[in-house]
Amino acid sequence: MDSTHAVTADRTAGDTAALSGLKFSKGHGTGNDFVLIADPNGTLSLDPEHVAGLCDRHRGIGGDGLIRAVPSRFLPEGQELLAVHPDAEWFMDYRNGDGSLSEMCGNGVRVFVHFLIAEGLVDLPAGESLVIGTRGGVKTIVRTAAGYAVDMGPWEFIYPGEATARAMDSLVSADGLEVARPALSVSMGNPHTVVALAEAAELAATMLFTAPRVDPTPPNGTNVEFVVPAEPLVHEGTGTITMRVHERGVGETQSCGTGACAAAVAIRHWAGQGAPDAWNVNVPGGVVGVKFFVGPEGHEHVELSGPAVIVATGTLS
């Protein structure tokens, strides 16, 4: 997730009275949870204060973020995508829990598509794919027997020269860690900074109530992943890592899809030649799968797979 627009919304006092009567759903992907709203006519206006109020866990519905399902033609960003990808009919309008706009969210993409199906807005049998628009570009999602697999597109280093030369490009400090740790900055369409830790006890001791300090910080800030490689790292051709994450505009979450991809990118890079293309990423909310493959344009892409669940529907009072 990514705070691309600064807001000053009071998360405990967001006034949602203007949204009275609005239908919503609540869903999650490995514990990363969202308020979901269908806007097929593109008429709903959401202020940051409304989003923050709905996502407030004490005075609202509660969620790490809010997703509005809206036809791409109703948004300038969606219209730009339609010019190149006319099949990207639906746009995932994603907001962080504090009301700020975000490029996209890997777990949110799966929940978004599951929501479209549940609302009868699309028909997607198992094995078939759907193209959607996001502020992070067009994404292709395949419905699988166990959930959804998303082509997250190509990854890249935020500081490619530093990463290639030293396998690290920044230092990260966090409460619970005695000294700053080296890290690698990866873009999955939104920025991430990945820190490798030595053992599970160190991961558990890291306190993420406040945002970690990153030096240097990428221009638009960053999400921070703390990762412990399994021992052995690779078993039967698949790598395994365990991760916790602090997301901008949210705080610590149960899971982060783009963060899981970035963590796999970094650990695979550090592991060197012969590192596998398939990874299991354990997060507090469950397990997601990450795979690397060469995309149609010749760049390496990342696929994220995992479940999506709708847990409730209702109407705002």
Protein backbone atom coordinates (compact mmCIF):
# COMPACT_ATOMS: atom_id res chain seq x y z
CA MET A 1 0.00 0.00 0.00
CA ASP A 2 1.09 3.51 -0.56
CA SER A 3 0.13 6.98 0.59
CA THR A 4 0.30 8.81 -2.72
CA HIS A 5 -1.79 11.74 -1.49
CA ALA A 6 -1.35 13.23 1.97
CA VAL A 7 -4.47 13.61 4.08
CA THR A 8 -5.21 15.01 7.51
CA ALA A 9 -8.29 12.92 8.29
CA ASP A 10 -9.00 12.13 11.94
CA ARG A 11 -9.40 8.36 11.83
CA THR A 12 -11.42 8.31 15.05
CA ALA A 13 -13.86 10.98 13.94
CA GLY A 14 -14.54 10.32 10.27
CA ASP A 15 -18.17 11.35 9.64
CA THR A 16 -19.89 8.67 7.54
CA ALA A 17 -23.44 10.03 7.95
CA ALA A 18 -23.36 11.22 4.33
CA LEU A 19 -23.03 7.57 3.25
CA SER A 20 -26.17 6.39 5.08
CA GLY A 21 -27.92 3.60 3.17
CA LEU A 22 -24.78 2.60 1.26
CA LYS A 23 -24.34 -1.15 0.80
CA PHE A 24 -20.93 -2.59 1.64
CA SER A 25 -19.09 -5.87 2.07
CA LYS A 26 -16.18 -6.83 4.31
CA GLY A 27 -13.51 -9.16 2.99
CA HIS A 28 -9.94 -10.26 3.56
CA GLY A 29 -7.00 -12.01 1.95
CA THR A 30 -4.87 -13.84 4.55
CA GLY A 31 -6.04 -11.38 7.19
CA ASN A 32 -5.42 -8.22 5.14
CA ASP A 33 -8.98 -6.82 5.40
CA PHE A 34 -10.99 -4.34 3.39
CA VAL A 35 -14.30 -2.52 3.20
CA LEU A 36 -15.70 -3.08 -0.32
CA ILE A 37 -18.21 -0.89 -2.14
CA ALA A 38 -19.73 -1.38 -5.60
CA ASP A 39 -20.20 1.80 -7.65
CA PRO A 40 -21.26 0.55 -11.11
CA ASN A 41 -22.57 3.98 -12.14
CA GLY A 42 -19.50 5.89 -11.00
CA THR A 43 -21.56 8.32 -8.89
CA LEU A 44 -20.12 7.78 -5.41
CA SER A 45 -17.85 10.47 -3.99
CA LEU A 46 -15.56 9.32 -1.17
CA ASP A 47 -13.74 11.91 0.90
CA PRO A 48 -10.63 10.83 2.86
CA GLU A 49 -12.60 11.45 6.06
CA HIS A 50 -15.34 9.04 4.90
CA VAL A 51 -12.78 6.34 4.11
CA ALA A 52 -10.98 6.79 7.43
CA GLY A 53 -14.29 6.62 9.27
CA LEU A 54 -15.37 3.43 7.54
CA CYS A 55 -11.98 1.80 8.14
CA ASP A 56 -11.85 2.79 11.81
CA ARG A 57 -11.92 -0.42 13.85
CA HIS A 58 -13.79 1.11 16.78
CA ARG A 59 -16.25 3.55 15.20
CA GLY A 60 -16.61 2.17 11.69
CA ILE A 61 -16.66 -1.15 9.84
CA GLY A 62 -12.92 -1.63 10.25
CA GLY A 63 -10.30 -2.47 7.65
CA ASP A 64 -6.75 -1.97 6.45
CA GLY A 65 -8.23 -0.17 3.47
CA LEU A 66 -11.27 0.50 1.31
CA ILE A 67 -11.87 -0.73 -2.24
CA ARG A 68 -14.41 0.85 -4.58
CA ALA A 69 -15.37 -1.24 -7.61
CA VAL A 70 -16.04 1.24 -10.40
CA PRO A 71 -16.02 0.93 -14.22
CA SER A 72 -12.70 2.19 -15.57
CA ARG A 73 -14.44 4.62 -17.93
CA PHE A 74 -15.52 6.81 -15.00
CA LEU A 75 -11.98 7.59 -13.81
CA PRO A 76 -9.24 9.51 -15.66
CA GLU A 77 -6.72 6.80 -14.66
CA GLY A 78 -9.07 4.12 -15.92
CA GLN A 79 -9.66 5.88 -19.21
CA GLU A 80 -5.91 5.97 -19.83
CA LEU A 81 -5.69 2.22 -19.23
CA LEU A 82 -8.69 1.49 -21.47
CA ALA A 83 -6.93 3.23 -24.36
CA VAL A 84 -4.33 0.45 -24.27
CA HIS A 85 -6.26 -2.35 -22.57
CA PRO A 86 -9.94 -2.08 -23.62
CA ASP A 87 -10.76 -5.29 -21.72
CA ALA A 88 -9.91 -3.68 -18.34
CA GLU A 89 -13.57 -2.86 -17.74
CA TRP A 90 -13.38 -2.66 -13.94
CA PHE A 91 -11.09 -0.43 -11.89
CA MET A 92 -9.91 -1.14 -8.35
CA ASP A 93 -10.14 2.27 -6.65
CA TYR A 94 -8.08 1.54 -3.53
CA ARG A 95 -7.64 3.74 -0.46
CA ASN A 96 -5.44 3.11 2.60
CA GLY A 97 -7.10 2.99 6.00
CA ASP A 98 -6.20 6.64 6.66
CA GLY A 99 -8.05 7.73 3.51
CA SER A 100 -5.01 8.27 1.31
CA LEU A 101 -5.01 7.03 -2.28
CA SER A 102 -2.86 4.02 -3.16
CA GLU A 103 -1.54 2.50 -6.37
CA MET A 104 -2.85 -0.98 -5.52
CA CYS A 105 -2.71 -3.84 -3.02
CA GLY A 106 -1.79 -7.43 -3.84
CA ASN A 107 -4.15 -9.06 -1.35
CA GLY A 108 -6.76 -6.46 -2.19
CA VAL A 109 -6.71 -7.42 -5.88
CA ARG A 110 -7.80 -10.96 -5.04
CA VAL A 111 -10.53 -9.76 -2.69
CA PHE A 112 -11.65 -7.18 -5.27
CA VAL A 113 -12.16 -9.85 -7.94
CA HIS A 114 -13.92 -12.13 -5.44
CA PHE A 115 -16.22 -9.20 -4.62
CA LEU A 116 -16.98 -8.56 -8.30
CA ILE A 117 -18.02 -12.20 -8.64
CA ALA A 118 -20.09 -12.18 -5.44
CA GLU A 119 -21.92 -9.04 -6.59
CA GLY A 120 -22.70 -10.58 -9.98
CA LEU A 121 -20.69 -7.88 -11.77
CA VAL A 122 -18.44 -10.42 -13.54
CA ASP A 123 -18.54 -14.13 -14.33
CA LEU A 124 -15.21 -15.88 -13.81
CA PRO A 125 -15.21 -19.70 -13.78
CA ALA A 126 -12.20 -21.52 -12.33
CA GLY A 127 -9.28 -21.53 -14.74
CA GLU A 128 -10.33 -18.36 -16.56
CA SER A 129 -8.74 -14.91 -16.26
CA LEU A 130 -9.92 -11.34 -15.78
CA VAL A 131 -8.11 -8.08 -16.54
CA ILE A 132 -8.66 -5.13 -14.19
CA GLY A 133 -7.32 -1.61 -13.89
CA THR A 134 -5.44 -0.21 -10.88
CA ARG A 135 -3.35 2.89 -10.23
CA GLY A 136 -0.40 0.48 -10.44
CA GLY A 137 -1.37 -0.52 -13.98
CA VAL A 138 -3.39 -3.34 -15.49
CA LYS A 139 -3.43 -6.66 -13.59
CA THR A 140 -4.45 -10.11 -14.86
CA ILE A 141 -6.09 -12.45 -12.36
CA VAL A 142 -6.76 -16.18 -12.79
CA ARG A 143 -9.35 -17.91 -10.64
CA THR A 144 -7.85 -21.10 -9.19
CA ALA A 145 -9.24 -23.99 -7.17
CA ALA A 146 -7.79 -22.46 -3.99
CA GLY A 147 -8.38 -18.76 -4.67
CA TYR A 148 -6.79 -16.41 -7.17
CA ALA A 149 -3.40 -15.94 -8.83
CA VAL A 150 -2.44 -12.40 -9.86
CA ASP A 151 0.20 -11.35 -12.36
CA MET A 152 1.64 -8.47 -10.37
CA GLY A 153 3.73 -7.35 -13.31
CA PRO A 154 7.49 -6.70 -13.39
CA TRP A 155 9.49 -5.91 -10.27
CA GLU A 156 12.47 -3.57 -10.10
CA PHE A 157 15.00 -2.25 -7.62
CA ILE A 158 14.28 1.30 -6.47
CA TYR A 159 18.03 2.00 -6.42
CA PRO A 160 19.31 -0.45 -9.07
CA GLY A 161 22.97 0.59 -8.99
CA GLU A 162 23.23 0.25 -5.21
CA ALA A 163 21.42 -3.09 -5.19
CA THR A 164 23.64 -4.58 -7.85
CA ALA A 165 26.87 -3.38 -6.27
CA ARG A 166 26.22 -4.08 -2.58
CA ALA A 167 22.99 -6.11 -2.31
CA MET A 168 21.69 -3.40 0.04
CA ASP A 169 20.80 0.26 -0.35
CA SER A 170 19.49 1.52 2.98
CA LEU A 171 19.45 1.09 6.75
CA VAL A 172 16.31 0.40 8.78
CA SER A 173 15.80 1.06 12.49
CA ALA A 174 12.82 -0.24 14.45
CA ASP A 175 11.80 -0.48 18.08
CA GLY A 176 12.92 -3.82 19.44
CA LEU A 177 16.02 -4.05 17.22
CA GLU A 178 19.21 -2.99 18.94
CA VAL A 179 20.97 -1.68 15.84
CA ALA A 180 19.96 -0.49 12.37
CA ARG A 181 19.81 -3.27 9.78
CA PRO A 182 20.81 -3.23 6.10
CA ALA A 183 17.92 -3.41 3.67
CA LEU A 184 17.02 -3.61 -0.01
CA SER A 185 14.39 -1.40 -1.68
CA VAL A 186 12.08 -3.06 -4.21
CA SER A 187 9.26 -1.62 -6.29
CA MET A 188 6.19 -3.71 -7.05
CA GLY A 189 4.41 -0.70 -8.49
CA ASN A 190 4.56 0.61 -4.92
CA PRO A 191 7.74 0.90 -2.81
CA HIS A 192 9.02 -1.64 -0.28
CA THR A 193 12.11 -1.90 1.91
CA VAL A 194 13.08 -5.45 2.91
CA VAL A 195 15.12 -6.36 5.99
CA ALA A 196 16.45 -9.89 6.63
CA LEU A 197 16.57 -11.04 10.26
CA ALA A 198 18.46 -14.03 11.65
CA GLU A 199 15.79 -15.86 13.61
CA ALA A 200 12.11 -16.02 14.55
CA ALA A 201 12.74 -14.61 18.04
CA GLU A 202 14.20 -11.46 16.50
CA LEU A 203 11.19 -11.12 14.24
CA ALA A 204 8.81 -11.51 17.17
CA ALA A 205 10.70 -8.89 19.20
CA THR A 206 10.45 -6.25 16.47
CA MET A 207 7.84 -3.67 17.49
CA LEU A 208 5.78 -2.22 14.66
CA PHE A 209 3.43 0.03 16.63
CA THR A 210 5.30 2.96 15.08
CA ALA A 211 6.76 3.22 11.60
CA PRO A 212 10.34 1.93 11.15
CA ARG A 213 12.94 4.54 10.23
CA VAL A 214 14.45 4.10 6.76
CA ASP A 215 17.61 5.88 5.61
CA PRO A 216 17.42 6.91 2.86
CA THR A 217 13.65 6.90 2.51
CA PRO A 218 12.32 6.50 -1.07
CA PRO A 219 10.75 9.70 -2.43
CA ASN A 220 7.15 8.71 -1.60
CA GLY A 221 7.96 6.78 1.57
CA THR A 222 7.97 3.00 1.81
CA ASN A 223 6.41 -0.13 3.26
CA VAL A 224 8.86 -2.12 5.40
CA GLU A 225 9.08 -5.93 5.51
CA PHE A 226 11.04 -7.85 8.16
CA VAL A 227 11.85 -11.36 6.92
CA VAL A 228 13.31 -14.56 8.38
CA PRO A 229 14.46 -17.23 5.86
CA ALA A 230 13.53 -20.83 6.66
CA GLU A 231 16.21 -23.38 7.57
CA PRO A 232 16.76 -24.90 5.08
CA LEU A 233 15.74 -22.04 2.81
CA VAL A 234 14.74 -24.33 -0.06
CA HIS A 235 12.86 -27.61 0.21
CA GLU A 236 11.85 -29.63 -2.85
CA GLY A 237 12.45 -26.67 -5.14
CA THR A 238 10.42 -24.11 -3.18
CA GLY A 239 11.82 -21.39 -0.93
CA THR A 240 10.12 -20.46 2.34
CA ILE A 241 10.27 -17.23 4.33
CA THR A 242 8.33 -15.71 7.24
CA MET A 243 7.43 -12.02 7.19
CA ARG A 244 5.92 -9.17 9.19
CA VAL A 245 5.15 -5.82 7.58
CA HIS A 246 4.50 -2.20 8.47
CA GLU A 247 2.41 -0.57 5.73
CA ARG A 248 2.26 3.14 5.10
CA GLY A 249 -1.05 4.72 5.87
CA VAL A 250 -2.06 1.65 7.91
CA GLY A 251 0.55 0.29 10.35
CA GLU A 252 1.28 -3.40 10.91
CA THR A 253 -1.08 -5.66 8.97
CA GLN A 254 -1.77 -9.39 8.99
CA SER A 255 -0.55 -9.67 5.40
CA CYS A 256 0.67 -7.59 2.46
CA GLY A 257 0.59 -9.05 -1.05
CA THR A 258 3.00 -6.66 -2.72
CA GLY A 259 5.17 -6.90 0.41
CA ALA A 260 5.30 -10.69 0.12
CA CYS A 261 6.42 -10.32 -3.50
CA ALA A 262 9.07 -7.75 -2.58
CA ALA A 263 10.33 -9.96 0.26
CA ALA A 264 10.69 -12.92 -2.10
CA VAL A 265 12.52 -10.68 -4.61
CA ALA A 266 15.03 -9.57 -1.97
CA ILE A 267 15.67 -12.99 -0.40
CA ARG A 268 16.01 -14.58 -3.85
CA HIS A 269 18.48 -11.84 -4.84
CA TRP A 270 20.54 -12.37 -1.68
CA ALA A 271 20.45 -16.17 -2.11
CA GLY A 272 22.21 -15.79 -5.46
CA GLN A 273 22.48 -18.06 -8.45
CA GLY A 274 20.36 -21.17 -8.22
CA ALA A 275 17.69 -19.63 -5.98
CA PRO A 276 14.24 -21.02 -6.82
CA ASP A 277 11.43 -19.27 -8.71
CA ALA A 278 8.69 -20.56 -6.36
CA TRP A 279 8.26 -19.28 -2.80
CA ASN A 280 5.91 -19.71 0.14
CA VAL A 281 5.60 -16.59 2.27
CA ASN A 282 4.27 -17.06 5.81
CA VAL A 283 2.51 -13.99 7.18
CA PRO A 284 0.55 -13.61 10.43
CA GLY A 285 -2.70 -14.10 8.49
CA GLY A 286 -1.71 -17.26 6.59
CA VAL A 287 0.41 -18.26 3.60
CA VAL A 288 0.66 -16.77 0.10
CA GLY A 289 2.54 -18.11 -2.88
CA VAL A 290 4.99 -16.13 -5.02
CA LYS A 291 6.35 -17.25 -8.40
CA PHE A 292 8.73 -15.61 -10.87
CA PHE A 293 8.29 -15.93 -14.62
CA VAL A 294 9.24 -14.07 -17.79
CA GLY A 295 6.46 -11.80 -19.02
CA PRO A 296 5.43 -11.23 -22.62
CA GLU A 297 7.65 -8.14 -22.92
CA GLY A 298 10.72 -10.08 -21.74
CA HIS A 299 10.88 -8.67 -18.21
CA GLU A 300 10.62 -10.89 -15.15
CA HIS A 301 7.15 -10.79 -13.57
CA VAL A 302 5.90 -11.88 -10.15
CA GLU A 303 2.74 -13.93 -9.60
CA LEU A 304 0.98 -13.74 -6.23
CA SER A 305 -1.50 -16.46 -5.26
CA GLY A 306 -3.72 -17.00 -2.25
CA PRO A 307 -7.26 -17.07 -0.92
CA ALA A 308 -9.93 -14.36 -0.79
CA VAL A 309 -12.92 -14.34 1.54
CA ILE A 310 -16.07 -12.22 1.89
CA VAL A 311 -17.07 -12.37 5.54
CA ALA A 312 -20.02 -9.96 5.75
CA THR A 313 -22.35 -7.69 3.82
CA GLY A 314 -24.51 -4.90 5.16
CA THR A 315 -25.92 -1.41 4.84
CA LEU A 316 -24.56 1.68 6.55
CA SER A 317 -26.97 3.15 9.08
